[in-house]
Amino acid sequence: MALLEIREINPATYLGFWEITEPQETLQHLLQTAAGNCLTVPAFTSATRQRQWLSSRLLAYTLLQKFTDIPVALQSTSNGKPVFANDAYQVSLTHSRELAGAIISKHHKVGIDIEIISPKVLRVADKFMTPTESADAGGEVEKTLIYWSAKETLYKLYSKRQLTFKEHIQIAPFCQAQPGTLNTCIKTPEFTADYQVYYEKMNDYILTYGLAPATENI
């Protein structure tokens, strides 16, 4: 098993990482065992995509063992958001290249994102960054990617469609740190709330994650 790390964010929240090294057949066997055969595994045309899907959910079930030994069905909403049956636990999943990540909580809504560090993000920066954000990033790859990854995390935290990164998600200028914290805001015609998003560089990846009260109506 290629479990890299499990972190306790707080007594009700755990974060984990999985290096995707196993073949598809091994991952599928491990996942079905962990899930108690209560999970339907879809077929993907891409073997890489299949292994990413399997490993991220296997990681979710690994983190679930911090709370219970009873398998809970992991499903998807109509928006594609992974959820445990009956909302028993909040979960968010991510993957990039050969790394998968997951965060699970009993008392918080959660979001997580991992991105491989690549200059490709600069090609689309104007599509998701405000002029203020672009000026703060200054064309730096890693800082631009932190903006992108944080907005992905907030999109998952919000968990509803029709959220535009450039118009509805705002991130205050920041001095890059390792690790660091971002002051952010989701603002739509119907909803406004401030959040902290945590970020760090992990070898060749950028990680971001955020939490919100489970009772918050987002």
C-alpha atoms as a PDB file:
ATOM      1  CA  MET A   1       0.000   0.000   0.000  1.00  0.00           C
ATOM      2  CA  ALA A   2       1.247   3.466  -0.914  1.00  0.00           C
ATOM      3  CA  LEU A   3      -0.281   5.460   1.918  1.00  0.00           C
ATOM      4  CA  LEU A   4       2.069   8.412   2.352  1.00  0.00           C
ATOM      5  CA  GLU A   5       0.673  10.322   5.306  1.00  0.00           C
ATOM      6  CA  ILE A   6      -2.332  10.895   7.544  1.00  0.00           C
ATOM      7  CA  ARG A   7      -2.668  14.192   9.418  1.00  0.00           C
ATOM      8  CA  GLU A   8      -5.024  15.066  12.237  1.00  0.00           C
ATOM      9  CA  ILE A   9      -6.264  18.580  11.433  1.00  0.00           C
ATOM     10  CA  ASN A  10      -8.435  18.530  14.543  1.00  0.00           C
ATOM     11  CA  PRO A  11     -10.060  15.711  16.559  1.00  0.00           C
ATOM     12  CA  ALA A  12     -12.930  15.552  14.039  1.00  0.00           C
ATOM     13  CA  THR A  13     -10.970  16.008  10.788  1.00  0.00           C
ATOM     14  CA  TYR A  14      -8.260  13.991   9.035  1.00  0.00           C
ATOM     15  CA  LEU A  15      -6.275  14.625   5.873  1.00  0.00           C
ATOM     16  CA  GLY A  16      -4.351  11.994   3.904  1.00  0.00           C
ATOM     17  CA  PHE A  17      -2.199  11.414   0.832  1.00  0.00           C
ATOM     18  CA  TRP A  18      -1.707   8.360  -1.365  1.00  0.00           C
ATOM     19  CA  GLU A  19       1.047   7.778  -3.918  1.00  0.00           C
ATOM     20  CA  ILE A  20      -0.562   5.959  -6.841  1.00  0.00           C
ATOM     21  CA  THR A  21       1.858   3.099  -7.519  1.00  0.00           C
ATOM     22  CA  GLU A  22      -0.378   0.002  -7.543  1.00  0.00           C
ATOM     23  CA  PRO A  23      -1.893  -1.563 -10.666  1.00  0.00           C
ATOM     24  CA  GLN A  24      -5.595  -1.104 -11.249  1.00  0.00           C
ATOM     25  CA  GLU A  25      -6.490  -4.656 -10.208  1.00  0.00           C
ATOM     26  CA  THR A  26      -4.774  -4.286  -6.820  1.00  0.00           C
ATOM     27  CA  LEU A  27      -6.422  -0.953  -6.111  1.00  0.00           C
ATOM     28  CA  GLN A  28      -9.839  -2.297  -7.034  1.00  0.00           C
ATOM     29  CA  HIS A  29      -9.440  -5.324  -4.758  1.00  0.00           C
ATOM     30  CA  LEU A  30      -8.251  -3.158  -1.850  1.00  0.00           C
ATOM     31  CA  LEU A  31     -11.105  -0.692  -2.355  1.00  0.00           C
ATOM     32  CA  GLN A  32     -13.846  -3.309  -2.523  1.00  0.00           C
ATOM     33  CA  THR A  33     -12.482  -4.896   0.649  1.00  0.00           C
ATOM     34  CA  ALA A  34     -12.324  -1.553   2.474  1.00  0.00           C
ATOM     35  CA  ALA A  35     -15.801  -0.557   1.265  1.00  0.00           C
ATOM     36  CA  GLY A  36     -17.361  -3.885   2.156  1.00  0.00           C
ATOM     37  CA  ASN A  37     -18.365  -4.330  -1.489  1.00  0.00           C
ATOM     38  CA  CYS A  38     -20.887  -1.470  -1.124  1.00  0.00           C
ATOM     39  CA  LEU A  39     -19.257   0.692  -3.786  1.00  0.00           C
ATOM     40  CA  THR A  40     -19.937   0.553  -7.521  1.00  0.00           C
ATOM     41  CA  VAL A  41     -16.736   1.083  -9.498  1.00  0.00           C
ATOM     42  CA  PRO A  42     -17.275   2.804 -12.873  1.00  0.00           C
ATOM     43  CA  ALA A  43     -15.216   1.957 -15.931  1.00  0.00           C
ATOM     44  CA  PHE A  44     -12.938   4.616 -17.433  1.00  0.00           C
ATOM     45  CA  THR A  45     -11.373   4.618 -20.880  1.00  0.00           C
ATOM     46  CA  SER A  46      -8.147   5.943 -19.329  1.00  0.00           C
ATOM     47  CA  ALA A  47      -6.223   3.521 -17.085  1.00  0.00           C
ATOM     48  CA  THR A  48      -4.619   6.501 -15.329  1.00  0.00           C
ATOM     49  CA  ARG A  49      -8.006   8.047 -14.574  1.00  0.00           C
ATOM     50  CA  GLN A  50      -9.257   4.689 -13.266  1.00  0.00           C
ATOM     51  CA  ARG A  51      -6.308   4.352 -10.873  1.00  0.00           C
ATOM     52  CA  GLN A  52      -6.777   7.934  -9.659  1.00  0.00           C
ATOM     53  CA  TRP A  53     -10.475   7.295  -8.964  1.00  0.00           C
ATOM     54  CA  LEU A  54      -9.752   4.049  -7.132  1.00  0.00           C
ATOM     55  CA  SER A  55      -6.866   5.379  -5.037  1.00  0.00           C
ATOM     56  CA  SER A  56      -8.669   8.540  -3.923  1.00  0.00           C
ATOM     57  CA  ARG A  57     -11.640   6.516  -2.689  1.00  0.00           C
ATOM     58  CA  LEU A  58      -9.416   3.908  -1.089  1.00  0.00           C
ATOM     59  CA  LEU A  59      -7.774   6.787   0.768  1.00  0.00           C
ATOM     60  CA  ALA A  60     -11.199   8.062   1.868  1.00  0.00           C
ATOM     61  CA  TYR A  61     -12.041   4.661   3.355  1.00  0.00           C
ATOM     62  CA  THR A  62      -8.624   4.551   5.029  1.00  0.00           C
ATOM     63  CA  LEU A  63      -9.381   7.875   6.727  1.00  0.00           C
ATOM     64  CA  LEU A  64     -12.895   6.701   7.604  1.00  0.00           C
ATOM     65  CA  GLN A  65     -11.314   4.073   9.858  1.00  0.00           C
ATOM     66  CA  LYS A  66     -10.306   6.928  12.175  1.00  0.00           C
ATOM     67  CA  PHE A  67     -14.005   7.187  13.053  1.00  0.00           C
ATOM     68  CA  THR A  68     -15.593   3.794  12.450  1.00  0.00           C
ATOM     69  CA  ASP A  69     -14.860   0.225  11.352  1.00  0.00           C
ATOM     70  CA  ILE A  70     -18.277  -0.034   9.689  1.00  0.00           C
ATOM     71  CA  PRO A  71     -18.151   0.580   5.906  1.00  0.00           C
ATOM     72  CA  VAL A  72     -20.371   3.454   4.769  1.00  0.00           C
ATOM     73  CA  ALA A  73     -21.445   3.729   1.144  1.00  0.00           C
ATOM     74  CA  LEU A  74     -19.541   6.438  -0.726  1.00  0.00           C
ATOM     75  CA  GLN A  75     -21.802   7.931  -3.372  1.00  0.00           C
ATOM     76  CA  SER A  76     -21.895  10.917  -5.729  1.00  0.00           C
ATOM     77  CA  THR A  77     -24.408  13.745  -5.865  1.00  0.00           C
ATOM     78  CA  SER A  78     -25.924  15.012  -9.113  1.00  0.00           C
ATOM     79  CA  ASN A  79     -23.111  17.604  -9.092  1.00  0.00           C
ATOM     80  CA  GLY A  80     -20.501  14.836  -8.950  1.00  0.00           C
ATOM     81  CA  LYS A  81     -19.530  15.595  -5.341  1.00  0.00           C
ATOM     82  CA  PRO A  82     -18.508  12.474  -3.356  1.00  0.00           C
ATOM     83  CA  VAL A  83     -20.638  11.990  -0.241  1.00  0.00           C
ATOM     84  CA  PHE A  84     -20.992   9.291   2.373  1.00  0.00           C
ATOM     85  CA  ALA A  85     -24.512   7.886   2.693  1.00  0.00           C
ATOM     86  CA  ASN A  86     -26.808   9.857   5.023  1.00  0.00           C
ATOM     87  CA  ASP A  87     -24.126  12.573   5.301  1.00  0.00           C
ATOM     88  CA  ALA A  88     -22.604  10.644   8.189  1.00  0.00           C
ATOM     89  CA  TYR A  89     -19.206  12.155   7.378  1.00  0.00           C
ATOM     90  CA  GLN A  90     -18.096  15.019   5.152  1.00  0.00           C
ATOM     91  CA  VAL A  91     -15.498  14.153   2.513  1.00  0.00           C
ATOM     92  CA  SER A  92     -13.584  15.770  -0.341  1.00  0.00           C
ATOM     93  CA  LEU A  93     -11.242  14.049  -2.802  1.00  0.00           C
ATOM     94  CA  THR A  94      -8.551  15.163  -5.234  1.00  0.00           C
ATOM     95  CA  HIS A  95      -5.805  13.765  -7.431  1.00  0.00           C
ATOM     96  CA  SER A  96      -3.084  14.999  -9.764  1.00  0.00           C
ATOM     97  CA  ARG A  97      -0.684  12.811 -11.712  1.00  0.00           C
ATOM     98  CA  GLU A  98       0.541  10.183  -9.244  1.00  0.00           C
ATOM     99  CA  LEU A  99      -0.761  11.722  -6.035  1.00  0.00           C
ATOM    100  CA  ALA A 100      -4.226  11.437  -4.469  1.00  0.00           C
ATOM    101  CA  GLY A 101      -5.538  13.364  -1.490  1.00  0.00           C
ATOM    102  CA  ALA A 102      -8.608  13.185   0.735  1.00  0.00           C
ATOM    103  CA  ILE A 103     -10.042  15.000   3.730  1.00  0.00           C
ATOM    104  CA  ILE A 104     -12.822  13.683   5.949  1.00  0.00           C
ATOM    105  CA  SER A 105     -14.611  15.236   8.913  1.00  0.00           C
ATOM    106  CA  LYS A 106     -17.433  14.552  11.358  1.00  0.00           C
ATOM    107  CA  HIS A 107     -18.197  18.196  12.123  1.00  0.00           C
ATOM    108  CA  HIS A 108     -17.015  20.288   9.171  1.00  0.00           C
ATOM    109  CA  LYS A 109     -17.776  20.676   5.513  1.00  0.00           C
ATOM    110  CA  VAL A 110     -14.483  20.227   3.693  1.00  0.00           C
ATOM    111  CA  GLY A 111     -12.710  20.887   0.418  1.00  0.00           C
ATOM    112  CA  ILE A 112      -9.290  19.826  -0.866  1.00  0.00           C
ATOM    113  CA  ASP A 113      -7.243  20.206  -4.044  1.00  0.00           C
ATOM    114  CA  ILE A 114      -3.823  19.053  -5.250  1.00  0.00           C
ATOM    115  CA  GLU A 115      -2.167  20.415  -8.395  1.00  0.00           C
ATOM    116  CA  ILE A 116       1.082  19.445 -10.103  1.00  0.00           C
ATOM    117  CA  ILE A 117       3.311  22.521 -10.421  1.00  0.00           C
ATOM    118  CA  SER A 118       3.337  23.457 -14.098  1.00  0.00           C
ATOM    119  CA  PRO A 119       3.597  26.715 -16.085  1.00  0.00           C
ATOM    120  CA  LYS A 120       0.446  25.659 -17.980  1.00  0.00           C
ATOM    121  CA  VAL A 121      -1.605  27.464 -15.329  1.00  0.00           C
ATOM    122  CA  LEU A 122      -0.333  30.807 -16.649  1.00  0.00           C
ATOM    123  CA  ARG A 123      -2.111  30.194 -19.976  1.00  0.00           C
ATOM    124  CA  VAL A 124      -5.527  30.302 -18.312  1.00  0.00           C
ATOM    125  CA  ALA A 125      -4.827  32.698 -15.433  1.00  0.00           C
ATOM    126  CA  ASP A 126      -6.954  35.490 -16.929  1.00  0.00           C
ATOM    127  CA  LYS A 127      -9.965  33.148 -16.947  1.00  0.00           C
ATOM    128  CA  PHE A 128     -10.035  32.606 -13.174  1.00  0.00           C
ATOM    129  CA  MET A 129      -8.151  35.522 -11.581  1.00  0.00           C
ATOM    130  CA  THR A 130      -9.314  39.070 -10.943  1.00  0.00           C
ATOM    131  CA  PRO A 131      -6.994  41.947 -11.941  1.00  0.00           C
ATOM    132  CA  THR A 132      -6.020  42.356  -8.264  1.00  0.00           C
ATOM    133  CA  GLU A 133      -5.182  38.655  -7.945  1.00  0.00           C
ATOM    134  CA  SER A 134      -3.199  38.686 -11.203  1.00  0.00           C
ATOM    135  CA  ALA A 135      -1.192  41.696 -10.068  1.00  0.00           C
ATOM    136  CA  ASP A 136      -0.425  40.008  -6.751  1.00  0.00           C
ATOM    137  CA  ALA A 137       0.699  36.759  -8.412  1.00  0.00           C
ATOM    138  CA  GLY A 138       2.925  38.697 -10.802  1.00  0.00           C
ATOM    139  CA  GLY A 139       3.130  35.848 -13.306  1.00  0.00           C
ATOM    140  CA  GLU A 140       4.808  33.524 -10.789  1.00  0.00           C
ATOM    141  CA  VAL A 141       3.847  29.913 -11.466  1.00  0.00           C
ATOM    142  CA  GLU A 142       3.590  28.677  -7.885  1.00  0.00           C
ATOM    143  CA  LYS A 143       1.681  31.688  -6.596  1.00  0.00           C
ATOM    144  CA  THR A 144      -0.716  31.593  -9.558  1.00  0.00           C
ATOM    145  CA  LEU A 145      -1.257  27.898  -8.908  1.00  0.00           C
ATOM    146  CA  ILE A 146      -2.053  28.595  -5.243  1.00  0.00           C
ATOM    147  CA  TYR A 147      -4.803  30.948  -6.429  1.00  0.00           C
ATOM    148  CA  TRP A 148      -6.157  28.298  -8.800  1.00  0.00           C
ATOM    149  CA  SER A 149      -5.979  25.460  -6.283  1.00  0.00           C
ATOM    150  CA  ALA A 150      -7.596  27.544  -3.534  1.00  0.00           C
ATOM    151  CA  LYS A 151     -10.507  28.383  -5.830  1.00  0.00           C
ATOM    152  CA  GLU A 152     -10.886  24.678  -6.652  1.00  0.00           C
ATOM    153  CA  THR A 153     -10.999  23.933  -2.917  1.00  0.00           C
ATOM    154  CA  LEU A 154     -13.640  26.609  -2.328  1.00  0.00           C
ATOM    155  CA  TYR A 155     -15.688  25.335  -5.268  1.00  0.00           C
ATOM    156  CA  LYS A 156     -15.745  21.887  -3.646  1.00  0.00           C
ATOM    157  CA  LEU A 157     -16.544  23.395  -0.258  1.00  0.00           C
ATOM    158  CA  TYR A 158     -19.481  25.310  -1.749  1.00  0.00           C
ATOM    159  CA  SER A 159     -20.536  22.110  -3.558  1.00  0.00           C
ATOM    160  CA  LYS A 160     -23.049  23.745  -5.893  1.00  0.00           C
ATOM    161  CA  ARG A 161     -22.874  24.429  -9.594  1.00  0.00           C
ATOM    162  CA  GLN A 162     -22.934  27.849 -11.264  1.00  0.00           C
ATOM    163  CA  LEU A 163     -20.065  29.206  -9.200  1.00  0.00           C
ATOM    164  CA  THR A 164     -17.683  31.200 -11.392  1.00  0.00           C
ATOM    165  CA  PHE A 165     -14.080  31.305 -10.192  1.00  0.00           C
ATOM    166  CA  LYS A 166     -13.378  34.836 -11.423  1.00  0.00           C
ATOM    167  CA  GLU A 167     -16.680  36.426 -10.392  1.00  0.00           C
ATOM    168  CA  HIS A 168     -17.732  34.579  -7.255  1.00  0.00           C
ATOM    169  CA  ILE A 169     -14.509  33.504  -5.504  1.00  0.00           C
ATOM    170  CA  GLN A 170     -12.195  36.205  -4.170  1.00  0.00           C
ATOM    171  CA  ILE A 171      -8.785  35.714  -2.579  1.00  0.00           C
ATOM    172  CA  ALA A 172      -6.986  38.516  -0.750  1.00  0.00           C
ATOM    173  CA  PRO A 173      -3.372  39.302  -1.759  1.00  0.00           C
ATOM    174  CA  PHE A 174      -0.876  37.358   0.317  1.00  0.00           C
ATOM    175  CA  CYS A 175       2.803  36.919   1.005  1.00  0.00           C
ATOM    176  CA  GLN A 176       3.752  33.374   0.045  1.00  0.00           C
ATOM    177  CA  ALA A 177       4.758  31.189   2.995  1.00  0.00           C
ATOM    178  CA  GLN A 178       5.426  27.504   3.628  1.00  0.00           C
ATOM    179  CA  PRO A 179       2.842  26.596   4.790  1.00  0.00           C
ATOM    180  CA  GLY A 180       0.466  29.534   4.518  1.00  0.00           C
ATOM    181  CA  THR A 181      -3.105  30.698   5.016  1.00  0.00           C
ATOM    182  CA  LEU A 182      -5.359  32.583   2.613  1.00  0.00           C
ATOM    183  CA  ASN A 183      -8.229  34.921   3.430  1.00  0.00           C
ATOM    184  CA  THR A 184     -10.951  34.168   0.921  1.00  0.00           C
ATOM    185  CA  CYS A 185     -14.589  34.921   0.184  1.00  0.00           C
ATOM    186  CA  ILE A 186     -17.382  33.264  -1.748  1.00  0.00           C
ATOM    187  CA  LYS A 187     -19.848  35.895  -2.909  1.00  0.00           C
ATOM    188  CA  THR A 188     -22.909  35.208  -5.049  1.00  0.00           C
ATOM    189  CA  PRO A 189     -26.240  37.069  -5.341  1.00  0.00           C
ATOM    190  CA  GLU A 190     -27.696  34.634  -2.780  1.00  0.00           C
ATOM    191  CA  PHE A 191     -24.743  33.896  -0.507  1.00  0.00           C
ATOM    192  CA  THR A 192     -21.675  35.553   1.025  1.00  0.00           C
ATOM    193  CA  ALA A 193     -19.176  34.043   3.453  1.00  0.00           C
ATOM    194  CA  ASP A 194     -15.495  34.367   4.371  1.00  0.00           C
ATOM    195  CA  TYR A 195     -13.179  31.359   4.699  1.00  0.00           C
ATOM    196  CA  GLN A 196      -9.591  30.531   5.478  1.00  0.00           C
ATOM    197  CA  VAL A 197      -7.864  28.223   3.018  1.00  0.00           C
ATOM    198  CA  TYR A 198      -4.600  26.523   3.974  1.00  0.00           C
ATOM    199  CA  TYR A 199      -1.873  25.873   1.417  1.00  0.00           C
ATOM    200  CA  GLU A 200       1.579  24.371   1.136  1.00  0.00           C
ATOM    201  CA  LYS A 201       4.058  23.077  -1.389  1.00  0.00           C
ATOM    202  CA  MET A 202       4.526  19.293  -1.319  1.00  0.00           C
ATOM    203  CA  ASN A 203       7.500  18.392  -3.499  1.00  0.00           C
ATOM    204  CA  ASP A 204       6.187  18.975  -7.034  1.00  0.00           C
ATOM    205  CA  TYR A 205       2.607  19.726  -5.968  1.00  0.00           C
ATOM    206  CA  ILE A 206       0.548  22.519  -4.443  1.00  0.00           C
ATOM    207  CA  LEU A 207      -1.950  21.464  -1.765  1.00  0.00           C
ATOM    208  CA  THR A 208      -4.900  23.542  -0.547  1.00  0.00           C
ATOM    209  CA  TYR A 209      -7.739  22.657   1.813  1.00  0.00           C
ATOM    210  CA  GLY A 210     -10.492  24.397   3.750  1.00  0.00           C
ATOM    211  CA  LEU A 211     -13.154  23.741   6.374  1.00  0.00           C
ATOM    212  CA  ALA A 212     -16.566  25.233   7.144  1.00  0.00           C
ATOM    213  CA  PRO A 213     -19.098  24.536   9.883  1.00  0.00           C
ATOM    214  CA  ALA A 214     -21.289  21.587   8.915  1.00  0.00           C
ATOM    215  CA  THR A 215     -24.338  23.632   9.861  1.00  0.00           C
ATOM    216  CA  GLU A 216     -23.501  26.399   7.407  1.00  0.00           C
ATOM    217  CA  ASN A 217     -25.995  26.551   4.550  1.00  0.00           C
ATOM    218  CA  ILE A 218     -23.679  26.324   1.554  1.00  0.00           C
END
